[in-house]
Amino acid sequence: MKIIMLGAPGAGKGTQAKKIAEQYGIPHISTGDIFRANIKGGTELGMKAKSYMDQGQLVPDDVTIGMLLDRISQEDCKGGYVLDGFPRTIPQAESLTEALNGRGEKMDYAVNVDVPDTAIVERMSGRRACLSCGATYHIRYNAPSKENVCDACGQALVLRDDDKPETVQKRLTVYHDQTQPLIEYYQKAGILVTVDGTKDLHDVFADITAVLGA
């Protein structure tokens, strides 16, 4: 079963991708993990990617696709996989479709975890992180025992720059411009599944597995 996860930043698609991978015994593949593995392994594509990243530039699609195809060619992907964080744009999706067609393969599902912008801003701006031990909290859904103090190590909690409302809003604007069109792309391909991401994460997962099957 080959699955693509779609959804705005903060919608919870990464969490659901991990749960799907665990449930169905297939790898959870994120572009970040692929980049790190190739750079660490010193592969040709990894070194190419690093040269762009070191200059603060986006890694070109052909390099990313090359690393992705290499990853999904590995033995553990024979039974399928969950893609998290790729594709992000229509050209990337078209390149992926073309590459898979060339191998006689296709994606089975594109799961869209749908959450309104207002809920995402509330979710992310409520996050608090401990820079000392890495623990994370949420002022509404998972508050620490003492305000702004980490339960685990007693250090002060912070609102990361990435989670500030103005930053989240910018990320959402980029998402709507570049990534949201993928919803229509995969709808036309007949593989789109949309679930209500505002529900409890266990209920969201139940809705996903109801479509994917046991």
N, C-alpha and C. Protein backbone atom coordinates (compact mmCIF):
# COMPACT_ATOMS: atom_id res chain seq x y z
N MET A 1 0.84 -1.19 0.00
CA MET A 1 0.00 0.00 0.00
C MET A 1 0.88 1.25 0.00
N LYS A 2 0.75 2.07 -1.04
CA LYS A 2 1.58 3.26 -1.19
C LYS A 2 0.72 4.49 -0.91
N ILE A 3 1.13 5.27 0.09
CA ILE A 3 0.30 6.36 0.59
C ILE A 3 1.09 7.67 0.62
N ILE A 4 0.42 8.76 0.22
CA ILE A 4 0.98 10.11 0.34
C ILE A 4 0.16 10.83 1.41
N MET A 5 0.84 11.52 2.33
CA MET A 5 0.14 12.31 3.34
C MET A 5 0.11 13.77 2.90
N LEU A 6 -1.08 14.36 2.95
CA LEU A 6 -1.26 15.78 2.62
C LEU A 6 -1.85 16.50 3.83
N GLY A 7 -1.64 17.81 3.87
CA GLY A 7 -2.19 18.60 4.97
C GLY A 7 -1.28 19.77 5.27
N ALA A 8 -1.85 20.80 5.85
CA ALA A 8 -1.09 22.00 6.17
C ALA A 8 -0.08 21.72 7.28
N PRO A 9 0.95 22.57 7.43
CA PRO A 9 1.86 22.40 8.55
C PRO A 9 1.09 22.52 9.87
N GLY A 10 1.29 21.56 10.76
CA GLY A 10 0.57 21.58 12.03
C GLY A 10 -0.74 20.83 12.01
N ALA A 11 -1.11 20.25 10.85
CA ALA A 11 -2.37 19.51 10.75
C ALA A 11 -2.30 18.14 11.43
N GLY A 12 -1.08 17.67 11.66
CA GLY A 12 -0.92 16.37 12.32
C GLY A 12 -0.66 15.23 11.37
N LYS A 13 -0.30 15.54 10.12
CA LYS A 13 -0.10 14.47 9.14
C LYS A 13 1.10 13.60 9.47
N GLY A 14 2.13 14.19 10.08
CA GLY A 14 3.32 13.41 10.46
C GLY A 14 3.00 12.37 11.51
N THR A 15 2.19 12.77 12.50
CA THR A 15 1.76 11.85 13.55
C THR A 15 0.96 10.70 12.95
N GLN A 16 0.03 11.04 12.05
CA GLN A 16 -0.80 10.01 11.42
C GLN A 16 0.04 9.10 10.52
N ALA A 17 1.02 9.68 9.84
CA ALA A 17 1.90 8.88 8.97
C ALA A 17 2.62 7.81 9.78
N LYS A 18 3.11 8.19 10.96
CA LYS A 18 3.81 7.23 11.82
C LYS A 18 2.87 6.12 12.28
N LYS A 19 1.64 6.51 12.63
CA LYS A 19 0.66 5.51 13.09
C LYS A 19 0.27 4.55 11.96
N ILE A 20 0.13 5.09 10.74
CA ILE A 20 -0.19 4.24 9.58
C ILE A 20 0.95 3.26 9.33
N ALA A 21 2.19 3.77 9.37
CA ALA A 21 3.36 2.91 9.13
C ALA A 21 3.41 1.77 10.14
N GLU A 22 3.12 2.10 11.39
CA GLU A 22 3.14 1.08 12.46
C GLU A 22 2.02 0.06 12.26
N GLN A 23 0.83 0.56 11.94
CA GLN A 23 -0.34 -0.30 11.79
C GLN A 23 -0.17 -1.30 10.64
N TYR A 24 0.39 -0.83 9.53
CA TYR A 24 0.46 -1.66 8.33
C TYR A 24 1.84 -2.26 8.08
N GLY A 25 2.79 -1.97 8.97
CA GLY A 25 4.12 -2.57 8.84
C GLY A 25 4.87 -2.11 7.61
N ILE A 26 4.72 -0.81 7.28
CA ILE A 26 5.42 -0.25 6.11
C ILE A 26 6.25 0.96 6.57
N PRO A 27 7.30 1.31 5.83
CA PRO A 27 8.16 2.43 6.27
C PRO A 27 7.47 3.79 6.18
N HIS A 28 7.78 4.63 7.16
CA HIS A 28 7.37 6.04 7.14
C HIS A 28 8.55 6.82 6.56
N ILE A 29 8.36 7.40 5.39
CA ILE A 29 9.46 8.06 4.68
C ILE A 29 9.23 9.56 4.61
N SER A 30 10.12 10.32 5.25
CA SER A 30 10.04 11.78 5.16
C SER A 30 11.26 12.27 4.39
N THR A 31 11.07 13.36 3.65
CA THR A 31 12.18 13.88 2.85
C THR A 31 13.34 14.29 3.75
N GLY A 32 13.03 14.83 4.93
CA GLY A 32 14.09 15.22 5.87
C GLY A 32 14.98 14.03 6.23
N ASP A 33 14.35 12.89 6.51
CA ASP A 33 15.10 11.67 6.86
C ASP A 33 15.97 11.22 5.68
N ILE A 34 15.39 11.30 4.47
CA ILE A 34 16.13 10.87 3.26
C ILE A 34 17.35 11.77 3.05
N PHE A 35 17.15 13.08 3.19
CA PHE A 35 18.27 14.02 3.04
C PHE A 35 19.37 13.69 4.03
N ARG A 36 18.99 13.53 5.30
CA ARG A 36 19.99 13.28 6.35
C ARG A 36 20.75 11.98 6.09
N ALA A 37 20.02 10.92 5.67
CA ALA A 37 20.65 9.62 5.43
C ALA A 37 21.64 9.69 4.27
N ASN A 38 21.26 10.40 3.20
CA ASN A 38 22.15 10.51 2.03
C ASN A 38 23.36 11.37 2.32
N ILE A 39 23.16 12.45 3.08
CA ILE A 39 24.29 13.32 3.42
C ILE A 39 25.25 12.58 4.36
N LYS A 40 24.67 11.89 5.34
CA LYS A 40 25.50 11.13 6.28
C LYS A 40 26.26 10.02 5.56
N GLY A 41 25.57 9.39 4.60
CA GLY A 41 26.19 8.28 3.86
C GLY A 41 27.14 8.74 2.77
N GLY A 42 27.18 10.06 2.52
CA GLY A 42 28.10 10.60 1.52
C GLY A 42 27.77 10.18 0.10
N THR A 43 26.48 9.92 -0.19
CA THR A 43 26.10 9.52 -1.54
C THR A 43 26.24 10.70 -2.50
N GLU A 44 26.30 10.40 -3.79
CA GLU A 44 26.44 11.46 -4.79
C GLU A 44 25.29 12.45 -4.70
N LEU A 45 24.06 11.91 -4.59
CA LEU A 45 22.89 12.78 -4.49
C LEU A 45 22.89 13.55 -3.17
N GLY A 46 23.36 12.90 -2.11
CA GLY A 46 23.44 13.56 -0.81
C GLY A 46 24.38 14.74 -0.83
N MET A 47 25.52 14.58 -1.50
CA MET A 47 26.49 15.67 -1.60
C MET A 47 25.95 16.82 -2.46
N LYS A 48 25.18 16.44 -3.51
CA LYS A 48 24.54 17.47 -4.34
C LYS A 48 23.56 18.28 -3.50
N ALA A 49 22.72 17.54 -2.74
CA ALA A 49 21.72 18.20 -1.88
C ALA A 49 22.39 19.11 -0.88
N LYS A 50 23.48 18.63 -0.28
CA LYS A 50 24.19 19.41 0.74
C LYS A 50 24.75 20.71 0.16
N SER A 51 25.23 20.64 -1.07
CA SER A 51 25.81 21.85 -1.69
C SER A 51 24.76 22.95 -1.83
N TYR A 52 23.52 22.56 -2.14
CA TYR A 52 22.43 23.54 -2.23
C TYR A 52 22.03 24.04 -0.84
N MET A 53 21.89 23.08 0.10
CA MET A 53 21.46 23.43 1.45
C MET A 53 22.47 24.35 2.13
N ASP A 54 23.76 24.11 1.91
CA ASP A 54 24.81 24.93 2.52
C ASP A 54 24.74 26.39 2.03
N GLN A 55 24.18 26.57 0.83
CA GLN A 55 24.05 27.93 0.28
C GLN A 55 22.68 28.54 0.60
N GLY A 56 21.89 27.79 1.39
CA GLY A 56 20.56 28.27 1.77
C GLY A 56 19.56 28.20 0.64
N GLN A 57 19.87 27.35 -0.36
CA GLN A 57 18.97 27.21 -1.51
C GLN A 57 18.12 25.94 -1.38
N LEU A 58 16.99 25.93 -2.10
CA LEU A 58 16.15 24.73 -2.14
C LEU A 58 16.84 23.66 -2.97
N VAL A 59 16.70 22.42 -2.53
CA VAL A 59 17.26 21.31 -3.30
C VAL A 59 16.39 21.10 -4.54
N PRO A 60 16.98 21.06 -5.76
CA PRO A 60 16.17 20.89 -6.97
C PRO A 60 15.37 19.59 -6.95
N ASP A 61 14.22 19.63 -7.63
CA ASP A 61 13.32 18.48 -7.63
C ASP A 61 13.98 17.20 -8.13
N ASP A 62 14.85 17.32 -9.16
CA ASP A 62 15.42 16.10 -9.73
C ASP A 62 16.33 15.39 -8.71
N VAL A 63 17.00 16.16 -7.85
CA VAL A 63 17.85 15.56 -6.82
C VAL A 63 16.99 14.89 -5.76
N THR A 64 15.93 15.60 -5.33
CA THR A 64 15.02 15.04 -4.31
C THR A 64 14.35 13.77 -4.82
N ILE A 65 13.85 13.83 -6.06
CA ILE A 65 13.19 12.65 -6.66
C ILE A 65 14.17 11.49 -6.75
N GLY A 66 15.41 11.78 -7.13
CA GLY A 66 16.42 10.73 -7.23
C GLY A 66 16.63 10.01 -5.91
N MET A 67 16.74 10.79 -4.84
CA MET A 67 16.91 10.20 -3.51
C MET A 67 15.67 9.42 -3.08
N LEU A 68 14.50 9.97 -3.41
CA LEU A 68 13.25 9.30 -3.04
C LEU A 68 13.11 7.95 -3.76
N LEU A 69 13.39 7.95 -5.07
CA LEU A 69 13.28 6.71 -5.85
C LEU A 69 14.26 5.66 -5.34
N ASP A 70 15.44 6.10 -4.97
CA ASP A 70 16.44 5.19 -4.40
C ASP A 70 15.91 4.58 -3.10
N ARG A 71 15.27 5.43 -2.28
CA ARG A 71 14.75 4.95 -0.99
C ARG A 71 13.61 3.95 -1.18
N ILE A 72 12.68 4.24 -2.08
CA ILE A 72 11.52 3.34 -2.23
C ILE A 72 11.87 2.09 -3.04
N SER A 73 13.10 2.04 -3.57
CA SER A 73 13.55 0.83 -4.26
C SER A 73 14.11 -0.20 -3.28
N GLN A 74 14.28 0.21 -2.03
CA GLN A 74 14.87 -0.69 -1.04
C GLN A 74 13.90 -1.78 -0.61
N GLU A 75 14.46 -2.84 -0.10
CA GLU A 75 13.71 -4.06 0.22
C GLU A 75 12.50 -3.81 1.13
N ASP A 76 12.68 -2.92 2.13
CA ASP A 76 11.59 -2.73 3.11
C ASP A 76 10.38 -2.00 2.53
N CYS A 77 10.50 -1.49 1.29
CA CYS A 77 9.39 -0.77 0.67
C CYS A 77 8.57 -1.64 -0.28
N LYS A 78 8.94 -2.92 -0.38
CA LYS A 78 8.23 -3.81 -1.32
C LYS A 78 6.74 -3.90 -1.02
N GLY A 79 6.39 -3.83 0.28
CA GLY A 79 4.98 -3.93 0.65
C GLY A 79 4.27 -2.60 0.70
N GLY A 80 5.00 -1.52 0.35
CA GLY A 80 4.41 -0.18 0.38
C GLY A 80 5.17 0.75 1.30
N TYR A 81 4.65 1.98 1.42
CA TYR A 81 5.31 3.00 2.24
C TYR A 81 4.37 4.19 2.41
N VAL A 82 4.71 5.05 3.37
CA VAL A 82 3.96 6.29 3.59
C VAL A 82 4.90 7.46 3.34
N LEU A 83 4.57 8.32 2.38
CA LEU A 83 5.38 9.50 2.08
C LEU A 83 4.87 10.69 2.88
N ASP A 84 5.77 11.32 3.62
CA ASP A 84 5.41 12.44 4.47
C ASP A 84 6.31 13.63 4.13
N GLY A 85 5.73 14.69 3.56
CA GLY A 85 6.53 15.86 3.20
C GLY A 85 6.92 15.92 1.74
N PHE A 86 6.47 14.97 0.97
CA PHE A 86 6.72 14.97 -0.48
C PHE A 86 5.59 14.22 -1.16
N PRO A 87 5.07 14.72 -2.27
CA PRO A 87 5.44 15.96 -2.95
C PRO A 87 4.85 17.20 -2.26
N ARG A 88 5.48 18.36 -2.54
CA ARG A 88 4.99 19.63 -1.99
C ARG A 88 4.41 20.54 -3.06
N THR A 89 4.70 20.23 -4.32
CA THR A 89 4.23 21.07 -5.43
C THR A 89 3.71 20.19 -6.56
N ILE A 90 2.95 20.80 -7.46
CA ILE A 90 2.42 20.06 -8.62
C ILE A 90 3.57 19.48 -9.48
N PRO A 91 4.62 20.26 -9.81
CA PRO A 91 5.72 19.66 -10.59
C PRO A 91 6.34 18.44 -9.91
N GLN A 92 6.48 18.49 -8.58
CA GLN A 92 7.02 17.34 -7.85
C GLN A 92 6.08 16.14 -7.97
N ALA A 93 4.78 16.40 -7.85
CA ALA A 93 3.79 15.32 -7.96
C ALA A 93 3.82 14.70 -9.36
N GLU A 94 3.93 15.54 -10.37
CA GLU A 94 3.97 15.05 -11.76
C GLU A 94 5.24 14.22 -11.99
N SER A 95 6.35 14.69 -11.43
CA SER A 95 7.61 13.94 -11.58
C SER A 95 7.52 12.59 -10.89
N LEU A 96 6.89 12.57 -9.71
CA LEU A 96 6.74 11.31 -8.97
C LEU A 96 5.84 10.35 -9.74
N THR A 97 4.71 10.85 -10.24
CA THR A 97 3.78 10.01 -11.02
C THR A 97 4.49 9.41 -12.24
N GLU A 98 5.24 10.25 -12.94
CA GLU A 98 5.96 9.81 -14.15
C GLU A 98 7.01 8.74 -13.79
N ALA A 99 7.75 8.98 -12.71
CA ALA A 99 8.79 8.03 -12.29
C ALA A 99 8.18 6.69 -11.89
N LEU A 100 7.07 6.75 -11.18
CA LEU A 100 6.41 5.50 -10.75
C LEU A 100 5.82 4.77 -11.95
N ASN A 101 5.23 5.53 -12.89
CA ASN A 101 4.69 4.92 -14.11
C ASN A 101 5.77 4.16 -14.86
N GLY A 102 6.98 4.73 -14.87
CA GLY A 102 8.11 4.10 -15.54
C GLY A 102 8.51 2.78 -14.91
N ARG A 103 8.11 2.60 -13.66
CA ARG A 103 8.41 1.36 -12.94
C ARG A 103 7.19 0.44 -12.87
N GLY A 104 6.11 0.86 -13.55
CA GLY A 104 4.88 0.07 -13.52
C GLY A 104 4.18 0.12 -12.17
N GLU A 105 4.37 1.25 -11.45
CA GLU A 105 3.77 1.41 -10.12
C GLU A 105 2.94 2.68 -10.07
N LYS A 106 2.13 2.79 -9.01
CA LYS A 106 1.36 4.02 -8.78
C LYS A 106 1.03 4.14 -7.31
N MET A 107 0.70 5.35 -6.86
CA MET A 107 0.27 5.56 -5.49
C MET A 107 -1.15 5.02 -5.34
N ASP A 108 -1.45 4.52 -4.14
CA ASP A 108 -2.79 3.97 -3.88
C ASP A 108 -3.72 4.99 -3.24
N TYR A 109 -3.19 5.78 -2.32
CA TYR A 109 -4.01 6.77 -1.60
C TYR A 109 -3.23 8.05 -1.36
N ALA A 110 -3.94 9.18 -1.41
CA ALA A 110 -3.41 10.46 -0.93
C ALA A 110 -4.34 10.88 0.20
N VAL A 111 -3.84 10.83 1.43
CA VAL A 111 -4.67 11.12 2.60
C VAL A 111 -4.48 12.57 3.01
N ASN A 112 -5.56 13.36 2.92
CA ASN A 112 -5.53 14.77 3.26
C ASN A 112 -6.10 14.98 4.66
N VAL A 113 -5.24 15.40 5.60
CA VAL A 113 -5.68 15.68 6.97
C VAL A 113 -6.09 17.16 7.00
N ASP A 114 -7.39 17.40 7.00
CA ASP A 114 -7.94 18.74 6.80
C ASP A 114 -8.18 19.45 8.14
N VAL A 115 -7.50 20.58 8.32
CA VAL A 115 -7.66 21.41 9.53
C VAL A 115 -7.71 22.88 9.10
N PRO A 116 -8.72 23.66 9.56
CA PRO A 116 -8.79 25.08 9.19
C PRO A 116 -7.58 25.86 9.72
N ASP A 117 -7.24 26.93 9.01
CA ASP A 117 -6.09 27.75 9.40
C ASP A 117 -6.16 28.24 10.84
N THR A 118 -7.36 28.69 11.26
CA THR A 118 -7.50 29.24 12.62
C THR A 118 -7.13 28.20 13.67
N ALA A 119 -7.54 26.96 13.44
CA ALA A 119 -7.23 25.89 14.39
C ALA A 119 -5.73 25.58 14.39
N ILE A 120 -5.10 25.66 13.23
CA ILE A 120 -3.65 25.39 13.14
C ILE A 120 -2.86 26.47 13.88
N VAL A 121 -3.24 27.74 13.70
CA VAL A 121 -2.56 28.83 14.40
C VAL A 121 -2.69 28.63 15.91
N GLU A 122 -3.90 28.26 16.36
CA GLU A 122 -4.11 28.04 17.81
C GLU A 122 -3.26 26.86 18.30
N ARG A 123 -3.26 25.79 17.54
CA ARG A 123 -2.48 24.60 17.91
C ARG A 123 -0.99 24.93 18.06
N MET A 124 -0.45 25.57 17.03
CA MET A 124 1.00 25.77 16.99
C MET A 124 1.47 26.89 17.91
N SER A 125 0.67 27.95 18.04
CA SER A 125 1.09 29.04 18.92
C SER A 125 0.94 28.67 20.39
N GLY A 126 0.23 27.58 20.65
CA GLY A 126 0.09 27.09 22.03
C GLY A 126 1.18 26.12 22.43
N ARG A 127 2.04 25.75 21.48
CA ARG A 127 3.13 24.82 21.79
C ARG A 127 4.20 25.50 22.65
N ARG A 128 4.77 24.73 23.55
CA ARG A 128 5.91 25.20 24.34
C ARG A 128 6.96 24.09 24.34
N ALA A 129 8.21 24.48 24.20
CA ALA A 129 9.28 23.48 24.10
C ALA A 129 10.33 23.72 25.18
N CYS A 130 10.92 22.61 25.64
CA CYS A 130 12.05 22.69 26.55
C CYS A 130 13.32 22.52 25.72
N LEU A 131 14.12 23.56 25.67
CA LEU A 131 15.34 23.50 24.86
C LEU A 131 16.41 22.65 25.54
N SER A 132 16.20 22.35 26.82
CA SER A 132 17.18 21.57 27.57
C SER A 132 17.05 20.07 27.31
N CYS A 133 15.81 19.54 27.44
CA CYS A 133 15.65 18.08 27.30
C CYS A 133 14.82 17.68 26.08
N GLY A 134 14.23 18.66 25.39
CA GLY A 134 13.48 18.35 24.17
C GLY A 134 12.00 18.04 24.38
N ALA A 135 11.53 18.07 25.63
CA ALA A 135 10.11 17.78 25.89
C ALA A 135 9.25 18.89 25.29
N THR A 136 8.04 18.51 24.85
CA THR A 136 7.13 19.51 24.28
C THR A 136 5.78 19.47 25.00
N TYR A 137 5.14 20.61 25.06
CA TYR A 137 3.86 20.76 25.76
C TYR A 137 2.94 21.62 24.91
N HIS A 138 1.68 21.71 25.36
CA HIS A 138 0.73 22.64 24.75
C HIS A 138 -0.06 23.28 25.88
N ILE A 139 -0.17 24.60 25.86
CA ILE A 139 -0.78 25.30 27.00
C ILE A 139 -2.24 24.91 27.21
N ARG A 140 -2.87 24.38 26.15
CA ARG A 140 -4.28 23.99 26.29
C ARG A 140 -4.47 22.48 26.37
N TYR A 141 -3.76 21.74 25.53
CA TYR A 141 -4.02 20.30 25.41
C TYR A 141 -3.07 19.42 26.23
N ASN A 142 -1.91 19.95 26.56
CA ASN A 142 -0.93 19.13 27.29
C ASN A 142 -0.05 20.06 28.13
N ALA A 143 -0.69 20.75 29.07
CA ALA A 143 0.01 21.79 29.84
C ALA A 143 0.96 21.19 30.87
N PRO A 144 2.09 21.86 31.12
CA PRO A 144 2.98 21.39 32.19
C PRO A 144 2.32 21.63 33.55
N SER A 145 2.78 20.93 34.57
CA SER A 145 2.20 21.08 35.91
C SER A 145 2.33 22.51 36.42
N LYS A 146 3.49 23.12 36.14
CA LYS A 146 3.73 24.50 36.53
C LYS A 146 3.93 25.33 35.27
N GLU A 147 3.25 26.47 35.18
CA GLU A 147 3.27 27.27 33.95
C GLU A 147 4.69 27.59 33.48
N ASN A 148 4.93 27.25 32.21
CA ASN A 148 6.21 27.55 31.54
C ASN A 148 7.44 26.91 32.19
N VAL A 149 7.21 25.80 32.92
CA VAL A 149 8.33 25.05 33.50
C VAL A 149 8.22 23.59 33.08
N CYS A 150 9.31 23.03 32.58
CA CYS A 150 9.31 21.64 32.10
C CYS A 150 9.13 20.66 33.26
N ASP A 151 8.15 19.75 33.12
CA ASP A 151 7.92 18.72 34.14
C ASP A 151 9.12 17.79 34.26
N ALA A 152 9.78 17.54 33.12
CA ALA A 152 10.85 16.54 33.10
C ALA A 152 12.14 17.01 33.74
N CYS A 153 12.53 18.28 33.45
CA CYS A 153 13.85 18.71 33.95
C CYS A 153 13.84 20.04 34.70
N GLY A 154 12.66 20.69 34.76
CA GLY A 154 12.56 21.91 35.56
C GLY A 154 13.06 23.18 34.89
N GLN A 155 13.47 23.08 33.61
CA GLN A 155 13.96 24.26 32.89
C GLN A 155 12.79 25.06 32.31
N ALA A 156 13.06 26.29 31.93
CA ALA A 156 12.01 27.16 31.38
C ALA A 156 11.58 26.68 29.99
N LEU A 157 10.28 26.80 29.72
CA LEU A 157 9.74 26.45 28.40
C LEU A 157 9.68 27.70 27.53
N VAL A 158 9.83 27.51 26.22
CA VAL A 158 9.81 28.65 25.30
C VAL A 158 8.83 28.40 24.14
N LEU A 159 8.38 29.51 23.57
CA LEU A 159 7.61 29.46 22.32
C LEU A 159 8.63 29.62 21.20
N ARG A 160 8.83 28.55 20.41
CA ARG A 160 9.83 28.60 19.35
C ARG A 160 9.39 29.57 18.24
N ASP A 161 10.38 30.14 17.57
CA ASP A 161 10.09 31.09 16.48
C ASP A 161 9.17 30.46 15.44
N ASP A 162 9.38 29.18 15.15
CA ASP A 162 8.57 28.47 14.15
C ASP A 162 7.10 28.42 14.52
N ASP A 163 6.82 28.50 15.82
CA ASP A 163 5.44 28.34 16.31
C ASP A 163 4.74 29.68 16.58
N LYS A 164 5.45 30.79 16.38
CA LYS A 164 4.83 32.09 16.61
C LYS A 164 3.75 32.33 15.55
N PRO A 165 2.60 32.95 15.96
CA PRO A 165 1.47 33.11 15.03
C PRO A 165 1.85 33.70 13.67
N GLU A 166 2.73 34.73 13.67
CA GLU A 166 3.09 35.37 12.39
C GLU A 166 3.88 34.42 11.50
N THR A 167 4.72 33.57 12.12
CA THR A 167 5.50 32.60 11.34
C THR A 167 4.59 31.52 10.79
N VAL A 168 3.67 31.05 11.64
CA VAL A 168 2.72 30.01 11.23
C VAL A 168 1.89 30.51 10.05
N GLN A 169 1.44 31.79 10.14
CA GLN A 169 0.62 32.36 9.07
C GLN A 169 1.39 32.40 7.74
N LYS A 170 2.70 32.73 7.81
CA LYS A 170 3.53 32.74 6.60
C LYS A 170 3.64 31.34 6.01
N ARG A 171 3.85 30.35 6.89
CA ARG A 171 3.95 28.96 6.41
C ARG A 171 2.64 28.50 5.78
N LEU A 172 1.52 28.95 6.33
CA LEU A 172 0.22 28.57 5.78
C LEU A 172 0.01 29.22 4.41
N THR A 173 0.48 30.45 4.26
CA THR A 173 0.36 31.14 2.96
C THR A 173 1.13 30.36 1.89
N VAL A 174 2.35 29.93 2.23
CA VAL A 174 3.16 29.14 1.29
C VAL A 174 2.44 27.83 0.97
N TYR A 175 1.88 27.20 2.01
CA TYR A 175 1.14 25.94 1.81
C TYR A 175 -0.02 26.13 0.82
N HIS A 176 -0.82 27.18 1.03
CA HIS A 176 -1.99 27.40 0.16
C HIS A 176 -1.56 27.69 -1.28
N ASP A 177 -0.45 28.38 -1.42
CA ASP A 177 0.03 28.72 -2.77
C ASP A 177 0.61 27.52 -3.50
N GLN A 178 1.43 26.74 -2.79
CA GLN A 178 2.22 25.70 -3.45
C GLN A 178 1.69 24.28 -3.29
N THR A 179 1.20 23.97 -2.09
CA THR A 179 0.89 22.56 -1.78
C THR A 179 -0.58 22.22 -1.86
N GLN A 180 -1.45 23.15 -1.51
CA GLN A 180 -2.89 22.86 -1.54
C GLN A 180 -3.38 22.39 -2.91
N PRO A 181 -2.82 22.91 -4.03
CA PRO A 181 -3.26 22.41 -5.35
C PRO A 181 -3.11 20.90 -5.53
N LEU A 182 -2.26 20.26 -4.69
CA LEU A 182 -2.11 18.80 -4.77
C LEU A 182 -3.41 18.09 -4.44
N ILE A 183 -4.26 18.72 -3.63
CA ILE A 183 -5.53 18.09 -3.26
C ILE A 183 -6.37 17.84 -4.52
N GLU A 184 -6.45 18.87 -5.35
CA GLU A 184 -7.20 18.72 -6.61
C GLU A 184 -6.51 17.74 -7.56
N TYR A 185 -5.17 17.78 -7.58
CA TYR A 185 -4.39 16.89 -8.44
C TYR A 185 -4.71 15.42 -8.13
N TYR A 186 -4.68 15.07 -6.84
CA TYR A 186 -4.92 13.68 -6.46
C TYR A 186 -6.41 13.31 -6.46
N GLN A 187 -7.25 14.34 -6.36
CA GLN A 187 -8.69 14.10 -6.50
C GLN A 187 -8.99 13.66 -7.93
N LYS A 188 -8.36 14.38 -8.87
CA LYS A 188 -8.54 14.02 -10.30
C LYS A 188 -7.97 12.63 -10.59
N ALA A 189 -6.92 12.26 -9.86
CA ALA A 189 -6.32 10.94 -10.04
C ALA A 189 -7.17 9.83 -9.41
N GLY A 190 -8.17 10.26 -8.62
CA GLY A 190 -9.10 9.30 -8.02
C GLY A 190 -8.58 8.59 -6.79
N ILE A 191 -7.55 9.16 -6.13
CA ILE A 191 -7.00 8.46 -4.96
C ILE A 191 -7.06 9.31 -3.68
N LEU A 192 -7.75 10.48 -3.74
CA LEU A 192 -7.79 11.37 -2.58
C LEU A 192 -8.77 10.88 -1.51
N VAL A 193 -8.31 10.92 -0.26
CA VAL A 193 -9.15 10.64 0.90
C VAL A 193 -8.99 11.82 1.85
N THR A 194 -10.08 12.49 2.22
CA THR A 194 -9.99 13.62 3.15
C THR A 194 -10.61 13.24 4.48
N VAL A 195 -9.87 13.52 5.56
CA VAL A 195 -10.37 13.25 6.92
C VAL A 195 -10.36 14.54 7.72
N ASP A 196 -11.24 14.62 8.71
CA ASP A 196 -11.35 15.80 9.56
C ASP A 196 -10.25 15.76 10.62
N GLY A 197 -9.23 16.61 10.44
CA GLY A 197 -8.09 16.60 11.34
C GLY A 197 -8.31 17.36 12.63
N THR A 198 -9.50 17.95 12.81
CA THR A 198 -9.77 18.66 14.07
C THR A 198 -10.19 17.70 15.18
N LYS A 199 -10.49 16.46 14.82
CA LYS A 199 -10.89 15.46 15.83
C LYS A 199 -9.69 15.02 16.67
N ASP A 200 -9.97 14.28 17.73
CA ASP A 200 -8.91 13.66 18.51
C ASP A 200 -8.06 12.79 17.59
N LEU A 201 -6.74 12.75 17.83
CA LEU A 201 -5.85 12.05 16.89
C LEU A 201 -6.21 10.57 16.73
N HIS A 202 -6.75 9.94 17.79
CA HIS A 202 -7.16 8.53 17.68
C HIS A 202 -8.37 8.39 16.75
N ASP A 203 -9.28 9.38 16.81
CA ASP A 203 -10.46 9.36 15.94
C ASP A 203 -10.07 9.62 14.49
N VAL A 204 -9.09 10.51 14.29
CA VAL A 204 -8.59 10.78 12.93
C VAL A 204 -8.00 9.49 12.36
N PHE A 205 -7.23 8.79 13.18
CA PHE A 205 -6.60 7.54 12.73
C PHE A 205 -7.66 6.48 12.40
N ALA A 206 -8.70 6.43 13.22
CA ALA A 206 -9.80 5.47 12.97
C ALA A 206 -10.48 5.77 11.64
N ASP A 207 -10.65 7.07 11.33
CA ASP A 207 -11.25 7.46 10.05
C ASP A 207 -10.36 7.06 8.88
N ILE A 208 -9.05 7.19 9.06
CA ILE A 208 -8.11 6.81 8.00
C ILE A 208 -8.13 5.30 7.77
N THR A 209 -8.06 4.53 8.86
CA THR A 209 -8.03 3.07 8.69
C THR A 209 -9.35 2.52 8.18
N ALA A 210 -10.44 3.25 8.43
CA ALA A 210 -11.74 2.83 7.89
C ALA A 210 -11.71 2.84 6.37
N VAL A 211 -10.91 3.76 5.80
CA VAL A 211 -10.79 3.86 4.34
C VAL A 211 -9.73 2.86 3.83
N LEU A 212 -8.59 2.82 4.52
CA LEU A 212 -7.49 1.96 4.06
C LEU A 212 -7.80 0.48 4.27
N GLY A 213 -8.65 0.18 5.25
CA GLY A 213 -8.98 -1.21 5.56
C GLY A 213 -8.06 -1.74 6.66
N ALA A 214 -8.53 -2.80 7.32
CA ALA A 214 -7.77 -3.37 8.43
C ALA A 214 -6.57 -4.12 7.92
